[in-house]
Amino acid sequence: MVAFELARGAASSKCGSVDVVPTIALVPAGPDDKQVLFQLNEHYVYDFSELIDVDETGRFGAARLERHFADPQCHPFLIRTDGKLAGFAIHEGRSRLTGEAGVNDVAELFVMRKYRKLGVGAYAATALFDRFAGRVRCGRCTPTSRRFRSGGR
C-alpha cells in the first residue's frame, strides 16, 4: 500500500519563534486497520450527536462501515499528520444519491479536533481528488464542514 504524502503546505503552527508545518499523509486502510477506523468513526459520528442517538450499548455504531471494506467501489483511508493518526476519509466510486458510476463521492471525511484548522482536511480532500479524477460529490455536512466549504475554516 502506498501512502500519499503531501508536501508541507501553507498551514502551520508556532513552536517558539519557528513555524512548524505538519506533514500530512493519506494512507489506504486495509483489513488490519478496520478496528482503528471503527474507533475513529465513534469520534466522527459524535460530531452529529445533535442529530442522532446512540444505540443501547452507548455507541453510535459502526455497522455501516463494514461495507467500505467489502465493496470494491469503496476506498477507506487513514489520515496521518506527522506520523500520528489524525482522521480518516472514505471514497466511493459511485454516487450514493443516485448510484451513478464514475462519480467520485467523498462519503466521509473526518479530522480530529487537534488537527483541525491546520489544513489537514483540505490536504486529505485534495489528495482524494487527485487520486480519483473526475466528477466529485462530497457527503453530509457538519457545522465544521460547512465552515470549511465556505472558506471560514
N, C-alpha and C. Protein backbone atom coordinates (compact mmCIF):
# COMPACT_ATOMS: atom_id res chain seq x y z
N MET A 1 0.83 -1.18 0.00
CA MET A 1 0.00 0.00 0.00
C MET A 1 0.88 1.24 0.00
N VAL A 2 0.51 2.19 -0.82
CA VAL A 2 1.29 3.41 -0.96
C VAL A 2 0.55 4.56 -0.30
N ALA A 3 1.23 5.26 0.57
CA ALA A 3 0.65 6.44 1.20
C ALA A 3 0.87 7.63 0.29
N PHE A 4 -0.08 8.53 0.28
CA PHE A 4 0.08 9.77 -0.46
C PHE A 4 0.58 10.81 0.53
N GLU A 5 1.87 11.07 0.45
CA GLU A 5 2.50 12.04 1.35
C GLU A 5 2.35 13.40 0.70
N LEU A 6 1.76 14.31 1.41
CA LEU A 6 1.55 15.63 0.87
C LEU A 6 2.66 16.55 1.34
N ALA A 7 3.16 17.34 0.43
CA ALA A 7 4.26 18.25 0.76
C ALA A 7 3.82 19.21 1.86
N ARG A 8 4.77 19.64 2.61
CA ARG A 8 4.48 20.63 3.65
C ARG A 8 3.87 21.85 2.99
N GLY A 9 2.75 22.28 3.53
CA GLY A 9 1.99 23.36 2.90
C GLY A 9 2.02 24.65 3.68
N ALA A 10 1.03 25.48 3.41
CA ALA A 10 0.98 26.82 3.98
C ALA A 10 0.53 26.82 5.43
N ALA A 11 -0.28 25.85 5.82
CA ALA A 11 -0.78 25.84 7.20
C ALA A 11 0.36 25.50 8.15
N SER A 12 0.41 26.20 9.26
CA SER A 12 1.48 25.94 10.22
C SER A 12 1.03 26.33 11.61
N SER A 13 1.78 25.89 12.60
CA SER A 13 1.57 26.32 13.97
C SER A 13 2.91 26.79 14.50
N LYS A 14 2.87 27.59 15.56
CA LYS A 14 4.10 28.16 16.11
C LYS A 14 4.71 27.24 17.16
N CYS A 15 5.99 27.09 17.13
CA CYS A 15 6.75 26.35 18.14
C CYS A 15 7.91 27.27 18.51
N GLY A 16 7.75 28.04 19.58
CA GLY A 16 8.73 29.07 19.90
C GLY A 16 8.61 30.16 18.85
N SER A 17 9.69 30.52 18.20
CA SER A 17 9.64 31.53 17.15
C SER A 17 9.74 30.91 15.76
N VAL A 18 9.62 29.59 15.69
CA VAL A 18 9.76 28.88 14.42
C VAL A 18 8.41 28.32 13.99
N ASP A 19 8.06 28.49 12.70
CA ASP A 19 6.84 27.88 12.18
C ASP A 19 7.06 26.39 12.02
N VAL A 20 6.07 25.60 12.48
CA VAL A 20 6.11 24.16 12.32
C VAL A 20 4.99 23.79 11.36
N VAL A 21 5.36 23.21 10.23
CA VAL A 21 4.38 22.86 9.22
C VAL A 21 4.22 21.33 9.21
N PRO A 22 2.99 20.83 9.41
CA PRO A 22 2.82 19.37 9.51
C PRO A 22 2.97 18.68 8.15
N THR A 23 3.45 17.44 8.20
CA THR A 23 3.45 16.57 7.04
C THR A 23 2.18 15.73 7.13
N ILE A 24 1.43 15.68 6.06
CA ILE A 24 0.12 15.01 6.06
C ILE A 24 0.17 13.86 5.05
N ALA A 25 -0.33 12.70 5.46
CA ALA A 25 -0.35 11.53 4.57
C ALA A 25 -1.75 10.93 4.57
N LEU A 26 -2.19 10.54 3.39
CA LEU A 26 -3.45 9.81 3.21
C LEU A 26 -3.05 8.38 2.89
N VAL A 27 -3.32 7.46 3.82
CA VAL A 27 -2.83 6.08 3.73
C VAL A 27 -4.00 5.12 3.50
N PRO A 28 -3.96 4.32 2.43
CA PRO A 28 -5.04 3.35 2.22
C PRO A 28 -5.20 2.44 3.45
N ALA A 29 -6.44 2.27 3.90
CA ALA A 29 -6.73 1.44 5.07
C ALA A 29 -7.07 0.02 4.60
N GLY A 30 -6.36 -0.94 5.13
CA GLY A 30 -6.61 -2.33 4.80
C GLY A 30 -7.40 -3.02 5.90
N PRO A 31 -7.65 -4.31 5.75
CA PRO A 31 -8.42 -5.06 6.75
C PRO A 31 -7.84 -4.96 8.16
N ASP A 32 -6.53 -4.87 8.29
CA ASP A 32 -5.91 -4.75 9.61
C ASP A 32 -6.21 -3.41 10.28
N ASP A 33 -6.67 -2.42 9.49
CA ASP A 33 -6.97 -1.08 10.02
C ASP A 33 -8.44 -0.91 10.37
N LYS A 34 -9.23 -1.96 10.16
CA LYS A 34 -10.68 -1.85 10.34
C LYS A 34 -11.06 -1.36 11.74
N GLN A 35 -10.49 -1.94 12.78
CA GLN A 35 -10.85 -1.53 14.15
C GLN A 35 -10.45 -0.09 14.44
N VAL A 36 -9.32 0.33 13.90
CA VAL A 36 -8.89 1.72 14.08
C VAL A 36 -9.90 2.65 13.44
N LEU A 37 -10.34 2.32 12.23
CA LEU A 37 -11.32 3.14 11.53
C LEU A 37 -12.64 3.16 12.30
N PHE A 38 -13.05 2.02 12.85
CA PHE A 38 -14.29 1.97 13.63
C PHE A 38 -14.19 2.86 14.87
N GLN A 39 -13.04 2.86 15.52
CA GLN A 39 -12.86 3.70 16.71
C GLN A 39 -12.89 5.18 16.32
N LEU A 40 -12.21 5.54 15.24
CA LEU A 40 -12.25 6.93 14.78
C LEU A 40 -13.66 7.34 14.39
N ASN A 41 -14.42 6.38 13.84
CA ASN A 41 -15.80 6.67 13.45
C ASN A 41 -16.64 7.12 14.64
N GLU A 42 -16.39 6.56 15.82
CA GLU A 42 -17.15 6.99 17.01
C GLU A 42 -16.94 8.48 17.28
N HIS A 43 -15.71 8.94 17.10
CA HIS A 43 -15.42 10.37 17.30
C HIS A 43 -16.08 11.20 16.19
N TYR A 44 -16.03 10.68 14.99
CA TYR A 44 -16.63 11.36 13.84
C TYR A 44 -18.14 11.50 14.03
N VAL A 45 -18.79 10.41 14.36
CA VAL A 45 -20.23 10.43 14.50
C VAL A 45 -20.66 11.29 15.69
N TYR A 46 -19.79 11.42 16.68
CA TYR A 46 -20.11 12.30 17.81
C TYR A 46 -20.37 13.73 17.33
N ASP A 47 -19.71 14.15 16.25
CA ASP A 47 -19.97 15.48 15.69
C ASP A 47 -21.42 15.62 15.22
N PHE A 48 -22.11 14.50 15.00
CA PHE A 48 -23.51 14.51 14.60
C PHE A 48 -24.45 14.23 15.77
N SER A 49 -23.92 14.21 16.99
CA SER A 49 -24.72 13.79 18.14
C SER A 49 -25.90 14.72 18.43
N GLU A 50 -25.91 15.90 17.86
CA GLU A 50 -27.08 16.77 17.99
C GLU A 50 -28.24 16.23 17.16
N LEU A 51 -27.92 15.35 16.21
CA LEU A 51 -28.93 14.87 15.27
C LEU A 51 -29.30 13.41 15.43
N ILE A 52 -28.38 12.60 15.99
CA ILE A 52 -28.63 11.15 16.08
C ILE A 52 -28.44 10.66 17.51
N ASP A 53 -28.97 9.48 17.79
CA ASP A 53 -28.88 8.88 19.11
C ASP A 53 -27.86 7.75 19.13
N VAL A 54 -27.40 7.41 20.30
CA VAL A 54 -26.55 6.24 20.47
C VAL A 54 -27.43 5.01 20.53
N ASP A 55 -26.83 3.82 20.34
CA ASP A 55 -27.60 2.58 20.46
C ASP A 55 -27.66 2.19 21.94
N GLU A 56 -28.22 1.03 22.22
CA GLU A 56 -28.40 0.60 23.61
C GLU A 56 -27.09 0.27 24.32
N THR A 57 -26.00 0.16 23.57
CA THR A 57 -24.70 -0.08 24.19
C THR A 57 -23.97 1.22 24.49
N GLY A 58 -24.59 2.36 24.12
CA GLY A 58 -23.96 3.65 24.33
C GLY A 58 -23.03 4.07 23.22
N ARG A 59 -23.07 3.33 22.11
CA ARG A 59 -22.20 3.64 20.97
C ARG A 59 -23.04 4.11 19.79
N PHE A 60 -22.39 4.77 18.88
CA PHE A 60 -23.07 5.23 17.68
C PHE A 60 -23.17 4.13 16.64
N GLY A 61 -22.31 3.14 16.72
CA GLY A 61 -22.37 2.01 15.80
C GLY A 61 -21.44 2.15 14.62
N ALA A 62 -20.94 1.02 14.14
CA ALA A 62 -20.00 1.02 13.02
C ALA A 62 -20.46 0.10 11.91
N ALA A 63 -21.70 -0.40 12.00
CA ALA A 63 -22.16 -1.39 11.02
C ALA A 63 -22.06 -0.88 9.59
N ARG A 64 -22.36 0.40 9.38
CA ARG A 64 -22.34 0.91 8.02
C ARG A 64 -20.94 0.97 7.43
N LEU A 65 -19.92 0.95 8.28
CA LEU A 65 -18.54 0.99 7.78
C LEU A 65 -18.07 -0.35 7.23
N GLU A 66 -18.68 -1.43 7.65
CA GLU A 66 -18.27 -2.77 7.18
C GLU A 66 -18.23 -2.85 5.67
N ARG A 67 -19.23 -2.27 5.01
CA ARG A 67 -19.31 -2.39 3.56
C ARG A 67 -18.17 -1.68 2.84
N HIS A 68 -17.55 -0.69 3.48
CA HIS A 68 -16.44 0.03 2.84
C HIS A 68 -15.21 -0.85 2.67
N PHE A 69 -15.15 -1.94 3.42
CA PHE A 69 -14.03 -2.87 3.29
C PHE A 69 -14.36 -4.02 2.34
N ALA A 70 -15.64 -4.24 2.07
CA ALA A 70 -16.06 -5.35 1.21
C ALA A 70 -16.38 -4.90 -0.22
N ASP A 71 -16.80 -3.67 -0.39
CA ASP A 71 -17.24 -3.15 -1.68
C ASP A 71 -16.04 -2.64 -2.48
N PRO A 72 -15.78 -3.19 -3.68
CA PRO A 72 -14.63 -2.75 -4.48
C PRO A 72 -14.74 -1.29 -4.95
N GLN A 73 -15.93 -0.71 -4.87
CA GLN A 73 -16.11 0.70 -5.24
C GLN A 73 -15.75 1.65 -4.09
N CYS A 74 -15.48 1.10 -2.91
CA CYS A 74 -15.19 1.93 -1.73
C CYS A 74 -13.70 1.85 -1.38
N HIS A 75 -13.16 2.97 -0.96
CA HIS A 75 -11.74 3.06 -0.64
C HIS A 75 -11.56 3.82 0.67
N PRO A 76 -11.35 3.11 1.78
CA PRO A 76 -11.11 3.78 3.06
C PRO A 76 -9.64 4.17 3.20
N PHE A 77 -9.40 5.31 3.84
CA PHE A 77 -8.06 5.82 4.08
C PHE A 77 -7.93 6.30 5.51
N LEU A 78 -6.74 6.19 6.06
CA LEU A 78 -6.41 6.83 7.32
C LEU A 78 -5.64 8.10 6.99
N ILE A 79 -5.85 9.12 7.80
CA ILE A 79 -5.11 10.37 7.64
C ILE A 79 -4.11 10.45 8.77
N ARG A 80 -2.86 10.69 8.42
CA ARG A 80 -1.79 10.82 9.42
C ARG A 80 -1.16 12.19 9.30
N THR A 81 -0.89 12.80 10.44
CA THR A 81 -0.22 14.09 10.49
C THR A 81 1.04 13.90 11.31
N ASP A 82 2.18 14.17 10.68
CA ASP A 82 3.48 13.93 11.32
C ASP A 82 3.55 12.51 11.88
N GLY A 83 2.99 11.56 11.13
CA GLY A 83 3.03 10.15 11.50
C GLY A 83 1.96 9.72 12.49
N LYS A 84 1.24 10.66 13.07
CA LYS A 84 0.21 10.33 14.06
C LYS A 84 -1.16 10.27 13.42
N LEU A 85 -1.99 9.37 13.92
CA LEU A 85 -3.35 9.21 13.43
C LEU A 85 -4.12 10.51 13.64
N ALA A 86 -4.70 11.05 12.56
CA ALA A 86 -5.38 12.34 12.65
C ALA A 86 -6.82 12.29 12.13
N GLY A 87 -7.22 11.18 11.49
CA GLY A 87 -8.58 11.09 10.98
C GLY A 87 -8.70 10.02 9.92
N PHE A 88 -9.77 10.09 9.15
CA PHE A 88 -9.99 9.13 8.06
C PHE A 88 -10.82 9.76 6.96
N ALA A 89 -10.77 9.12 5.80
CA ALA A 89 -11.59 9.52 4.66
C ALA A 89 -12.05 8.26 3.95
N ILE A 90 -13.23 8.34 3.36
CA ILE A 90 -13.76 7.22 2.59
C ILE A 90 -14.24 7.74 1.24
N HIS A 91 -13.70 7.14 0.18
CA HIS A 91 -14.08 7.47 -1.19
C HIS A 91 -14.97 6.36 -1.73
N GLU A 92 -16.00 6.74 -2.48
CA GLU A 92 -16.83 5.77 -3.21
C GLU A 92 -16.79 6.13 -4.69
N GLY A 93 -16.71 5.12 -5.53
CA GLY A 93 -16.61 5.32 -6.97
C GLY A 93 -17.95 5.44 -7.67
N ARG A 94 -18.98 5.78 -6.92
CA ARG A 94 -20.31 6.00 -7.49
C ARG A 94 -21.06 6.95 -6.57
N SER A 95 -22.10 7.57 -7.09
CA SER A 95 -22.90 8.49 -6.29
C SER A 95 -23.73 7.71 -5.28
N ARG A 96 -23.66 8.10 -4.03
CA ARG A 96 -24.51 7.47 -3.03
C ARG A 96 -25.96 7.93 -3.17
N LEU A 97 -26.18 9.06 -3.84
CA LEU A 97 -27.53 9.56 -4.02
C LEU A 97 -28.26 8.86 -5.17
N THR A 98 -27.56 8.71 -6.30
CA THR A 98 -28.21 8.17 -7.49
C THR A 98 -27.72 6.79 -7.90
N GLY A 99 -26.56 6.36 -7.36
CA GLY A 99 -25.97 5.10 -7.77
C GLY A 99 -25.17 5.19 -9.06
N GLU A 100 -25.12 6.39 -9.64
CA GLU A 100 -24.42 6.59 -10.91
C GLU A 100 -22.93 6.28 -10.76
N ALA A 101 -22.42 5.43 -11.66
CA ALA A 101 -20.99 5.09 -11.65
C ALA A 101 -20.17 6.25 -12.18
N GLY A 102 -18.91 6.27 -11.80
CA GLY A 102 -18.00 7.29 -12.30
C GLY A 102 -18.06 8.61 -11.56
N VAL A 103 -18.85 8.67 -10.50
CA VAL A 103 -18.91 9.87 -9.66
C VAL A 103 -18.04 9.61 -8.45
N ASN A 104 -17.12 10.49 -8.17
CA ASN A 104 -16.25 10.35 -7.01
C ASN A 104 -16.92 10.98 -5.81
N ASP A 105 -17.42 10.13 -4.94
CA ASP A 105 -18.17 10.56 -3.77
C ASP A 105 -17.26 10.49 -2.55
N VAL A 106 -16.99 11.64 -1.96
CA VAL A 106 -16.25 11.66 -0.70
C VAL A 106 -17.29 11.38 0.38
N ALA A 107 -17.45 10.10 0.67
CA ALA A 107 -18.52 9.65 1.56
C ALA A 107 -18.33 10.15 2.98
N GLU A 108 -17.11 10.09 3.48
CA GLU A 108 -16.81 10.51 4.84
C GLU A 108 -15.44 11.16 4.85
N LEU A 109 -15.29 12.23 5.63
CA LEU A 109 -14.00 12.87 5.83
C LEU A 109 -13.99 13.42 7.25
N PHE A 110 -13.11 12.88 8.07
CA PHE A 110 -13.06 13.26 9.47
C PHE A 110 -11.63 13.60 9.87
N VAL A 111 -11.48 14.74 10.53
CA VAL A 111 -10.20 15.16 11.09
C VAL A 111 -10.43 15.43 12.58
N MET A 112 -9.61 14.81 13.42
CA MET A 112 -9.75 15.02 14.87
C MET A 112 -9.51 16.49 15.20
N ARG A 113 -10.18 16.96 16.24
CA ARG A 113 -10.17 18.38 16.60
C ARG A 113 -8.76 18.95 16.74
N LYS A 114 -7.84 18.20 17.28
CA LYS A 114 -6.47 18.68 17.48
C LYS A 114 -5.83 19.11 16.16
N TYR A 115 -6.23 18.46 15.06
CA TYR A 115 -5.60 18.70 13.77
C TYR A 115 -6.43 19.60 12.85
N ARG A 116 -7.55 20.08 13.35
CA ARG A 116 -8.37 20.99 12.55
C ARG A 116 -7.72 22.37 12.51
N LYS A 117 -8.05 23.11 11.50
CA LYS A 117 -7.53 24.47 11.27
C LYS A 117 -6.04 24.49 10.96
N LEU A 118 -5.50 23.33 10.58
CA LEU A 118 -4.10 23.24 10.15
C LEU A 118 -3.99 22.89 8.67
N GLY A 119 -5.14 22.75 8.00
CA GLY A 119 -5.14 22.38 6.60
C GLY A 119 -5.14 20.89 6.35
N VAL A 120 -5.28 20.08 7.40
CA VAL A 120 -5.24 18.63 7.27
C VAL A 120 -6.41 18.12 6.42
N GLY A 121 -7.61 18.58 6.69
CA GLY A 121 -8.78 18.15 5.91
C GLY A 121 -8.68 18.59 4.45
N ALA A 122 -8.21 19.81 4.22
CA ALA A 122 -8.06 20.30 2.85
C ALA A 122 -7.04 19.46 2.09
N TYR A 123 -5.93 19.13 2.73
CA TYR A 123 -4.92 18.29 2.07
C TYR A 123 -5.45 16.89 1.79
N ALA A 124 -6.18 16.31 2.75
CA ALA A 124 -6.74 14.98 2.54
C ALA A 124 -7.74 14.98 1.39
N ALA A 125 -8.61 15.99 1.36
CA ALA A 125 -9.59 16.10 0.27
C ALA A 125 -8.87 16.28 -1.07
N THR A 126 -7.86 17.12 -1.10
CA THR A 126 -7.10 17.33 -2.33
C THR A 126 -6.44 16.05 -2.81
N ALA A 127 -5.88 15.28 -1.88
CA ALA A 127 -5.25 14.01 -2.25
C ALA A 127 -6.28 13.04 -2.83
N LEU A 128 -7.49 13.01 -2.25
CA LEU A 128 -8.55 12.16 -2.80
C LEU A 128 -8.93 12.63 -4.20
N PHE A 129 -9.10 13.94 -4.37
CA PHE A 129 -9.50 14.47 -5.68
C PHE A 129 -8.42 14.19 -6.72
N ASP A 130 -7.15 14.27 -6.31
CA ASP A 130 -6.05 14.00 -7.23
C ASP A 130 -5.97 12.52 -7.60
N ARG A 131 -6.21 11.66 -6.63
CA ARG A 131 -6.11 10.22 -6.88
C ARG A 131 -7.27 9.71 -7.72
N PHE A 132 -8.46 10.23 -7.47
CA PHE A 132 -9.66 9.78 -8.18
C PHE A 132 -10.20 10.94 -9.02
N ALA A 133 -9.64 11.10 -10.20
CA ALA A 133 -10.04 12.21 -11.07
C ALA A 133 -11.46 12.01 -11.57
N GLY A 134 -12.14 13.09 -11.90
CA GLY A 134 -13.49 13.04 -12.44
C GLY A 134 -14.43 13.89 -11.62
N ARG A 135 -15.72 13.68 -11.85
CA ARG A 135 -16.74 14.44 -11.11
C ARG A 135 -16.68 14.08 -9.64
N VAL A 136 -16.90 15.06 -8.78
CA VAL A 136 -16.77 14.87 -7.34
C VAL A 136 -18.07 15.26 -6.65
N ARG A 137 -18.41 14.50 -5.61
CA ARG A 137 -19.53 14.83 -4.74
C ARG A 137 -19.08 14.60 -3.31
N CYS A 138 -19.34 15.55 -2.42
CA CYS A 138 -19.00 15.39 -1.00
C CYS A 138 -20.25 15.02 -0.23
N GLY A 139 -20.08 14.19 0.81
CA GLY A 139 -21.19 13.69 1.61
C GLY A 139 -21.79 14.71 2.54
N ARG A 140 -22.35 14.23 3.63
CA ARG A 140 -23.11 15.05 4.57
C ARG A 140 -22.29 16.18 5.17
N CYS A 141 -23.00 17.17 5.64
CA CYS A 141 -22.34 18.37 6.19
C CYS A 141 -22.49 18.41 7.70
N THR A 142 -21.41 18.75 8.37
CA THR A 142 -21.44 19.10 9.78
C THR A 142 -21.20 20.60 9.85
N PRO A 143 -21.41 21.23 10.99
CA PRO A 143 -21.09 22.66 11.08
C PRO A 143 -19.64 22.93 10.67
N THR A 144 -18.72 22.05 11.02
CA THR A 144 -17.32 22.23 10.66
C THR A 144 -17.14 22.16 9.15
N SER A 145 -17.77 21.18 8.48
CA SER A 145 -17.60 21.07 7.03
C SER A 145 -18.26 22.24 6.32
N ARG A 146 -19.36 22.77 6.86
CA ARG A 146 -19.98 23.94 6.25
C ARG A 146 -19.03 25.14 6.31
N ARG A 147 -18.36 25.33 7.46
CA ARG A 147 -17.39 26.42 7.58
C ARG A 147 -16.25 26.22 6.59
N PHE A 148 -15.76 24.98 6.46
CA PHE A 148 -14.66 24.67 5.55
C PHE A 148 -15.06 25.01 4.12
N ARG A 149 -16.24 24.55 3.70
CA ARG A 149 -16.68 24.77 2.32
C ARG A 149 -16.88 26.24 2.03
N SER A 150 -17.26 27.03 3.04
CA SER A 150 -17.48 28.45 2.82
C SER A 150 -16.19 29.25 2.93
N GLY A 151 -15.08 28.58 3.22
CA GLY A 151 -13.80 29.26 3.32
C GLY A 151 -13.55 29.84 4.70
N GLY A 152 -14.43 29.54 5.67
CA GLY A 152 -14.30 30.10 7.01
C GLY A 152 -13.54 29.25 7.99
N ARG A 153 -12.88 28.20 7.56
CA ARG A 153 -12.08 27.29 8.38
C ARG A 153 -12.11 27.72 9.81
